[in-house]
Structures are given as structure tokens and as C-alpha cells.
C-alpha atoms as a PDB file:
ATOM      1  CA  MET A   1       6.853 -35.978  24.663  1.00  0.00           C
ATOM      2  CA  GLN A   2       3.713 -35.443  22.599  1.00  0.00           C
ATOM      3  CA  THR A   3       5.255 -32.495  20.779  1.00  0.00           C
ATOM      4  CA  ALA A   4       8.639 -34.163  20.177  1.00  0.00           C
ATOM      5  CA  ARG A   5       7.527 -35.591  16.834  1.00  0.00           C
ATOM      6  CA  MET A   6       6.505 -32.099  15.659  1.00  0.00           C
ATOM      7  CA  TRP A   7       9.981 -30.584  15.999  1.00  0.00           C
ATOM      8  CA  PRO A   8      11.751 -32.088  12.957  1.00  0.00           C
ATOM      9  CA  PRO A   9       9.150 -30.751  10.454  1.00  0.00           C
ATOM     10  CA  LEU A  10       9.121 -27.390  12.254  1.00  0.00           C
ATOM     11  CA  LYS A  11      12.918 -27.198  11.996  1.00  0.00           C
ATOM     12  CA  ALA A  12      12.694 -27.973   8.287  1.00  0.00           C
ATOM     13  CA  ALA A  13      10.028 -25.296   7.774  1.00  0.00           C
ATOM     14  CA  PHE A  14      12.072 -22.765   9.721  1.00  0.00           C
ATOM     15  CA  ARG A  15      15.110 -23.528   7.520  1.00  0.00           C
ATOM     16  CA  TRP A  16      13.016 -22.532   4.497  1.00  0.00           C
ATOM     17  CA  VAL A  17      12.059 -19.254   6.171  1.00  0.00           C
ATOM     18  CA  GLU A  18      15.712 -18.581   7.054  1.00  0.00           C
ATOM     19  CA  ARG A  19      16.759 -19.182   3.443  1.00  0.00           C
ATOM     20  CA  VAL A  20      14.086 -16.799   2.167  1.00  0.00           C
ATOM     21  CA  ALA A  21      15.191 -14.175   4.689  1.00  0.00           C
ATOM     22  CA  GLU A  22      18.805 -14.640   3.597  1.00  0.00           C
ATOM     23  CA  PHE A  23      17.885 -14.133  -0.081  1.00  0.00           C
ATOM     24  CA  LEU A  24      15.762 -11.073   0.656  1.00  0.00           C
ATOM     25  CA  THR A  25      18.398  -9.534   2.931  1.00  0.00           C
ATOM     26  CA  ASN A  26      20.632  -9.404  -0.154  1.00  0.00           C
ATOM     27  CA  ALA A  27      23.854  -8.851   1.780  1.00  0.00           C
ATOM     28  CA  SER A  28      25.855  -9.004  -1.465  1.00  0.00           C
ATOM     29  CA  GLY A  29      23.901  -6.041  -2.890  1.00  0.00           C
ATOM     30  CA  GLU A  30      22.674  -7.747  -6.062  1.00  0.00           C
ATOM     31  CA  LYS A  31      20.211  -6.091  -8.432  1.00  0.00           C
ATOM     32  CA  GLY A  32      16.514  -6.848  -8.125  1.00  0.00           C
ATOM     33  CA  CYS A  33      16.455  -9.135 -11.184  1.00  0.00           C
ATOM     34  CA  HIS A  34      19.144 -11.373  -9.644  1.00  0.00           C
ATOM     35  CA  VAL A  35      17.396 -11.544  -6.278  1.00  0.00           C
ATOM     36  CA  LYS A  36      14.140 -12.300  -8.088  1.00  0.00           C
ATOM     37  CA  ARG A  37      15.738 -15.130 -10.088  1.00  0.00           C
ATOM     38  CA  ARG A  38      17.289 -16.694  -6.964  1.00  0.00           C
ATOM     39  CA  MET A  39      14.040 -16.311  -5.073  1.00  0.00           C
ATOM     40  CA  ALA A  40      12.056 -17.904  -7.933  1.00  0.00           C
ATOM     41  CA  GLY A  41      14.305 -20.962  -7.711  1.00  0.00           C
ATOM     42  CA  LEU A  42      13.821 -21.149  -3.980  1.00  0.00           C
ATOM     43  CA  VAL A  43      10.037 -20.802  -4.322  1.00  0.00           C
ATOM     44  CA  GLY A  44      10.041 -23.652  -6.866  1.00  0.00           C
ATOM     45  CA  ALA A  45      11.971 -25.865  -4.467  1.00  0.00           C
ATOM     46  CA  LEU A  46       9.638 -24.860  -1.652  1.00  0.00           C
ATOM     47  CA  GLU A  47       6.610 -25.826  -3.772  1.00  0.00           C
ATOM     48  CA  ASP A  48       8.136 -29.285  -4.215  1.00  0.00           C
ATOM     49  CA  ALA A  49       8.767 -29.508  -0.475  1.00  0.00           C
ATOM     50  CA  VAL A  50       5.162 -28.527   0.271  1.00  0.00           C
ATOM     51  CA  ARG A  51       3.923 -31.459  -1.808  1.00  0.00           C
ATOM     52  CA  ARG A  52       6.046 -33.858   0.277  1.00  0.00           C
ATOM     53  CA  THR A  53       5.261 -32.313   3.695  1.00  0.00           C
ATOM     54  CA  ARG A  54       2.633 -33.653   6.085  1.00  0.00           C
ATOM     55  CA  ALA A  55      -0.650 -31.906   6.820  1.00  0.00           C
ATOM     56  CA  PRO A  56      -0.123 -29.403   9.672  1.00  0.00           C
ATOM     57  CA  HIS A  57       3.101 -27.993   8.272  1.00  0.00           C
ATOM     58  CA  ARG A  58       1.902 -28.182   4.687  1.00  0.00           C
ATOM     59  CA  ALA A  59      -0.803 -25.610   5.435  1.00  0.00           C
ATOM     60  CA  ALA A  60       1.708 -23.180   6.945  1.00  0.00           C
ATOM     61  CA  LEU A  61       4.151 -23.502   4.048  1.00  0.00           C
ATOM     62  CA  ALA A  62       1.328 -23.276   1.492  1.00  0.00           C
ATOM     63  CA  HIS A  63       0.153 -20.075   3.177  1.00  0.00           C
ATOM     64  CA  PHE A  64       3.698 -18.724   3.037  1.00  0.00           C
ATOM     65  CA  LEU A  65       3.802 -19.491  -0.700  1.00  0.00           C
ATOM     66  CA  LEU A  66       0.416 -17.845  -1.220  1.00  0.00           C
ATOM     67  CA  GLU A  67       1.559 -14.646   0.478  1.00  0.00           C
ATOM     68  CA  THR A  68       4.847 -14.695  -1.433  1.00  0.00           C
ATOM     69  CA  ARG A  69       2.941 -14.913  -4.721  1.00  0.00           C
ATOM     70  CA  ARG A  70       0.595 -12.145  -3.613  1.00  0.00           C
ATOM     71  CA  TYR A  71       3.467  -9.726  -2.975  1.00  0.00           C
ATOM     72  CA  TRP A  72       5.728 -10.995  -5.777  1.00  0.00           C
ATOM     73  CA  LEU A  73       5.304  -8.042  -8.176  1.00  0.00           C
ATOM     74  CA  GLY A  74       6.356  -5.436  -5.627  1.00  0.00           C
ATOM     75  CA  LEU A  75       8.861  -7.531  -3.719  1.00  0.00           C
ATOM     76  CA  PHE A  76      12.042  -6.660  -5.597  1.00  0.00           C
ATOM     77  CA  HIS A  77      11.833  -2.922  -6.393  1.00  0.00           C
ATOM     78  CA  CYS A  78      13.691  -2.020  -3.222  1.00  0.00           C
ATOM     79  CA  TYR A  79      16.891  -3.529  -4.600  1.00  0.00           C
ATOM     80  CA  ASP A  80      16.896  -1.242  -7.652  1.00  0.00           C
ATOM     81  CA  VAL A  81      15.673   2.040  -6.112  1.00  0.00           C
ATOM     82  CA  PRO A  82      18.128   3.648  -3.678  1.00  0.00           C
ATOM     83  CA  GLY A  83      16.557   4.647  -0.373  1.00  0.00           C
ATOM     84  CA  LEU A  84      13.367   2.635  -0.899  1.00  0.00           C
ATOM     85  CA  PRO A  85      12.652   0.693   2.298  1.00  0.00           C
ATOM     86  CA  ARG A  86      12.476  -3.102   2.042  1.00  0.00           C
ATOM     87  CA  THR A  87       9.371  -3.286   4.216  1.00  0.00           C
ATOM     88  CA  ASP A  88       6.234  -1.200   4.403  1.00  0.00           C
ATOM     89  CA  ASN A  89       6.745  -0.521   8.112  1.00  0.00           C
ATOM     90  CA  ASP A  90       8.349   2.853   7.367  1.00  0.00           C
ATOM     91  CA  LEU A  91       5.435   3.848   5.137  1.00  0.00           C
ATOM     92  CA  GLU A  92       2.908   2.696   7.708  1.00  0.00           C
ATOM     93  CA  HIS A  93       4.724   4.740  10.346  1.00  0.00           C
ATOM     94  CA  LEU A  94       4.704   7.764   8.058  1.00  0.00           C
ATOM     95  CA  PHE A  95       0.979   7.547   7.311  1.00  0.00           C
ATOM     96  CA  GLY A  96       0.175   6.838  10.943  1.00  0.00           C
ATOM     97  CA  SER A  97       2.185   9.873  11.966  1.00  0.00           C
ATOM     98  CA  CYS A  98       0.339  12.030   9.425  1.00  0.00           C
ATOM     99  CA  ARG A  99      -3.019  10.776  10.741  1.00  0.00           C
ATOM    100  CA  TYR A 100      -1.908  11.425  14.318  1.00  0.00           C
ATOM    101  CA  HIS A 101      -0.867  15.022  13.597  1.00  0.00           C
ATOM    102  CA  GLU A 102      -4.023  15.644  11.553  1.00  0.00           C
ATOM    103  CA  ARG A 103      -6.201  14.419  14.428  1.00  0.00           C
ATOM    104  CA  ARG A 104      -4.218  16.392  16.959  1.00  0.00           C
ATOM    105  CA  ALA A 105      -4.366  19.619  14.931  1.00  0.00           C
ATOM    106  CA  SER A 106      -8.089  19.305  14.226  1.00  0.00           C
ATOM    107  CA  GLY A 107      -9.148  17.944  17.630  1.00  0.00           C
ATOM    108  CA  ARG A 108     -11.026  15.105  15.949  1.00  0.00           C
ATOM    109  CA  ARG A 109     -10.906  11.479  16.963  1.00  0.00           C
ATOM    110  CA  ARG A 110     -10.576  10.333  13.386  1.00  0.00           C
ATOM    111  CA  GLY A 111      -8.922  11.795  10.312  1.00  0.00           C
ATOM    112  CA  SER A 112     -10.656  14.674   8.610  1.00  0.00           C
ATOM    113  CA  GLU A 113     -12.445  14.348   5.306  1.00  0.00           C
ATOM    114  CA  GLY A 114      -9.891  16.789   3.913  1.00  0.00           C
ATOM    115  CA  LEU A 115      -7.179  14.224   4.450  1.00  0.00           C
ATOM    116  CA  VAL A 116      -9.150  11.754   2.361  1.00  0.00           C
ATOM    117  CA  VAL A 117      -9.868  14.228  -0.445  1.00  0.00           C
ATOM    118  CA  ARG A 118      -6.519  15.997  -0.454  1.00  0.00           C
ATOM    119  CA  GLY A 119      -4.388  13.205   0.992  1.00  0.00           C
ATOM    120  CA  GLN A 120      -2.139  12.891  -2.023  1.00  0.00           C
ATOM    121  CA  VAL A 121      -1.140  16.531  -1.496  1.00  0.00           C
ATOM    122  CA  ARG A 122      -1.227  16.738   2.290  1.00  0.00           C
ATOM    123  CA  VAL A 123       0.778  13.593   2.932  1.00  0.00           C
ATOM    124  CA  VAL A 124       3.487  14.618   0.472  1.00  0.00           C
ATOM    125  CA  ALA A 125       3.578  18.094   2.015  1.00  0.00           C
ATOM    126  CA  ALA A 126       3.821  16.628   5.526  1.00  0.00           C
ATOM    127  CA  VAL A 127       6.693  14.365   4.485  1.00  0.00           C
ATOM    128  CA  ALA A 128       8.529  17.097   2.603  1.00  0.00           C
ATOM    129  CA  THR A 129       8.353  19.561   5.498  1.00  0.00           C
ATOM    130  CA  ARG A 130       9.827  16.975   7.851  1.00  0.00           C
ATOM    131  CA  LEU A 131      12.825  16.407   5.616  1.00  0.00           C
ATOM    132  CA  ALA A 132      13.855  20.049   5.365  1.00  0.00           C
ATOM    133  CA  PRO A 133      12.346  23.515   5.808  1.00  0.00           C
ATOM    134  CA  THR A 134      10.683  24.812   2.645  1.00  0.00           C
ATOM    135  CA  ALA A 135      11.425  28.219   1.179  1.00  0.00           C
ATOM    136  CA  GLY A 136       8.659  30.252  -0.486  1.00  0.00           C
ATOM    137  CA  ALA A 137      10.256  29.993  -3.929  1.00  0.00           C
ATOM    138  CA  GLU A 138      10.091  26.198  -3.714  1.00  0.00           C
ATOM    139  CA  LEU A 139       6.309  26.282  -3.379  1.00  0.00           C
ATOM    140  CA  ALA A 140       5.799  27.523  -6.935  1.00  0.00           C
ATOM    141  CA  PRO A 141       4.856  24.656  -9.261  1.00  0.00           C
ATOM    142  CA  LYS A 142       7.611  23.549 -11.636  1.00  0.00           C
ATOM    143  CA  ASP A 143       5.227  21.984 -14.162  1.00  0.00           C
ATOM    144  CA  ILE A 144       2.107  24.121 -14.456  1.00  0.00           C
ATOM    145  CA  ILE A 145       0.211  21.525 -16.514  1.00  0.00           C
ATOM    146  CA  ALA A 146       0.832  18.782 -13.947  1.00  0.00           C
ATOM    147  CA  TRP A 147      -0.206  21.217 -11.203  1.00  0.00           C
ATOM    148  CA  ARG A 148      -3.456  22.033 -13.039  1.00  0.00           C
ATOM    149  CA  ASN A 149      -4.147  18.318 -13.569  1.00  0.00           C
ATOM    150  CA  LEU A 150      -3.605  17.692  -9.853  1.00  0.00           C
ATOM    151  CA  ARG A 151      -5.950  20.544  -8.947  1.00  0.00           C
ATOM    152  CA  ALA A 152      -8.606  19.172 -11.331  1.00  0.00           C
ATOM    153  CA  SER A 153      -8.212  15.707  -9.802  1.00  0.00           C
ATOM    154  CA  LEU A 154      -8.661  17.150  -6.309  1.00  0.00           C
ATOM    155  CA  ARG A 155     -11.775  19.065  -7.427  1.00  0.00           C
ATOM    156  CA  ARG A 156     -13.272  15.873  -8.919  1.00  0.00           C
ATOM    157  CA  ARG A 157     -12.652  13.944  -5.697  1.00  0.00           C
ATOM    158  CA  GLN A 158     -14.133  16.761  -3.626  1.00  0.00           C
ATOM    159  CA  HIS A 159     -17.166  16.956  -5.919  1.00  0.00           C
ATOM    160  CA  ALA A 160     -17.751  13.203  -5.579  1.00  0.00           C
ATOM    161  CA  ARG A 161     -17.696  13.517  -1.789  1.00  0.00           C
ATOM    162  CA  ILE A 162     -20.134  16.459  -1.934  1.00  0.00           C
ATOM    163  CA  LEU A 163     -22.534  14.427  -4.067  1.00  0.00           C
ATOM    164  CA  GLY A 164     -22.241  11.504  -1.681  1.00  0.00           C
ATOM    165  CA  ARG A 165     -23.032  13.783   1.236  1.00  0.00           C
ATOM    166  CA  ARG A 166     -26.064  15.208  -0.602  1.00  0.00           C
ATOM    167  CA  PHE A 167     -27.298  11.710  -1.372  1.00  0.00           C
ATOM    168  CA  ARG A 168     -26.953  10.588   2.236  1.00  0.00           C
ATOM    169  CA  ALA A 169     -28.717  13.734   3.476  1.00  0.00           C
ATOM    170  CA  ASN A 170     -31.750  13.369   1.179  1.00  0.00           C
ATOM    171  CA  PRO A 171     -31.670  10.393  -1.220  1.00  0.00           C
ATOM    172  CA  ASN A 172     -35.109  11.054  -2.733  1.00  0.00           C
ATOM    173  CA  ALA A 173     -34.377  14.679  -3.646  1.00  0.00           C
ATOM    174  CA  TYR A 174     -30.960  13.739  -4.998  1.00  0.00           C
ATOM    175  CA  LEU A 175     -32.344  11.002  -7.254  1.00  0.00           C
ATOM    176  CA  ALA A 176     -35.254  13.234  -8.399  1.00  0.00           C
ATOM    177  CA  ALA A 177     -32.753  15.916  -9.483  1.00  0.00           C
ATOM    178  CA  ILE A 178     -30.763  13.353 -11.458  1.00  0.00           C
ATOM    179  CA  GLU A 179     -33.977  12.146 -13.157  1.00  0.00           C
ATOM    180  CA  ARG A 180     -34.895  15.743 -14.115  1.00  0.00           C
ATOM    181  CA  GLU A 181     -31.426  16.282 -15.627  1.00  0.00           C
ATOM    182  CA  LEU A 182     -31.662  13.018 -17.531  1.00  0.00           C
ATOM    183  CA  ARG A 183     -35.095  13.871 -18.945  1.00  0.00           C
ATOM    184  CA  ARG A 184     -33.769  17.256 -20.141  1.00  0.00           C
ATOM    185  CA  ALA A 185     -30.759  15.596 -21.780  1.00  0.00           C
ATOM    186  CA  LEU A 186     -32.739  12.902 -23.632  1.00  0.00           C
ATOM    187  CA  PRO A 187     -34.438  13.770 -26.920  1.00  0.00           C
ATOM    188  CA  ALA A 188     -38.224  13.967 -26.665  1.00  0.00           C
END
């Protein structure tokens, strides 16, 4: 009996969640801008409802609104891009699978440093090889400038990790070398 008075506000809150889920399901296949417009109207109505709701349920609905605003910018792309999943569960599964195979292949308990430095290449390669076998001719870069830029980016990331490792190994020697270089570079 003590919880009986809590049910009507909970039912009302759950109706809001069901309406949001219905809009985001987009069964009619509308474009992202239409779903966004409908959802904006619903969020406005929900904000009004939050102002009128009592304390325990107000906090839950306010949190729901906060999270909706936090994800708002990326919430509607999936309706305009074919094949883009509506949730990040598929991406999380993909990255988790890549980490699992990396750990299994290397024998390490955690992901290798190479996955951190070269992740943007390794993850794409892992995904691409799962979709279909790759022929040798497909490995040649199509855009040589973009390929060179990617290689330079990977070298910069690797260099930053090397410097970090050197600093952690011997901070005093690392900082003394930087001071010597700075003195040489400054005019006397």
C-alpha cells in the first residue's frame, strides 16, 4: 500500500519514455530532420511536464532530458545514412571484438600499445577483413596524399608515445635535454 501512490506518476513517466521510443524507432522511415523536429516538440512538452511533476519523478525525467540534450547532435544521423546503426551497441561490440582478438593474438591481458598508436588503421583493417577477403591489388592506396598524411599522423602519435616513455623512464634527463635544446635555439 505504501507504493500505491507512486504508480500514477511512474505510469506517466513511462508514457513519456514510450513516446520517445516511438519517435526514435521511426517506423514510417522519415528523414532525420523530420524526426528531429518531432522529437524537439516532444522534448519541449516533456520540459513543461518536468516543471509540474513532483520531486522523485522530476529528478528522473530531468536526468532523461539532460542525457537527451547531451546526445542531441548525434542522435539523428542514423536516419539519413543507410546502414548506420541507431545505437552504439554495434560499435562497442566491434571495438570489443578487436580488443579481444588483439589480446588473444599477442597473449597480453590488455590491448597493446600498437593498438593505441595505430588503432585508426588496425580497427578499420580488422573490420574490412571481416566483411570480405581482401585481394592484394586492393591494398594499394587510392589517394597517395591521404595515405602519406595518415602515415605522418601515425608517426607523430608514435613519436609522442616514445617521448612519454622516455620521460617516465628518466624525467630529469629528459627535461635536461629539452633545456639544452631550448638554450641552443634561443639567441644569446
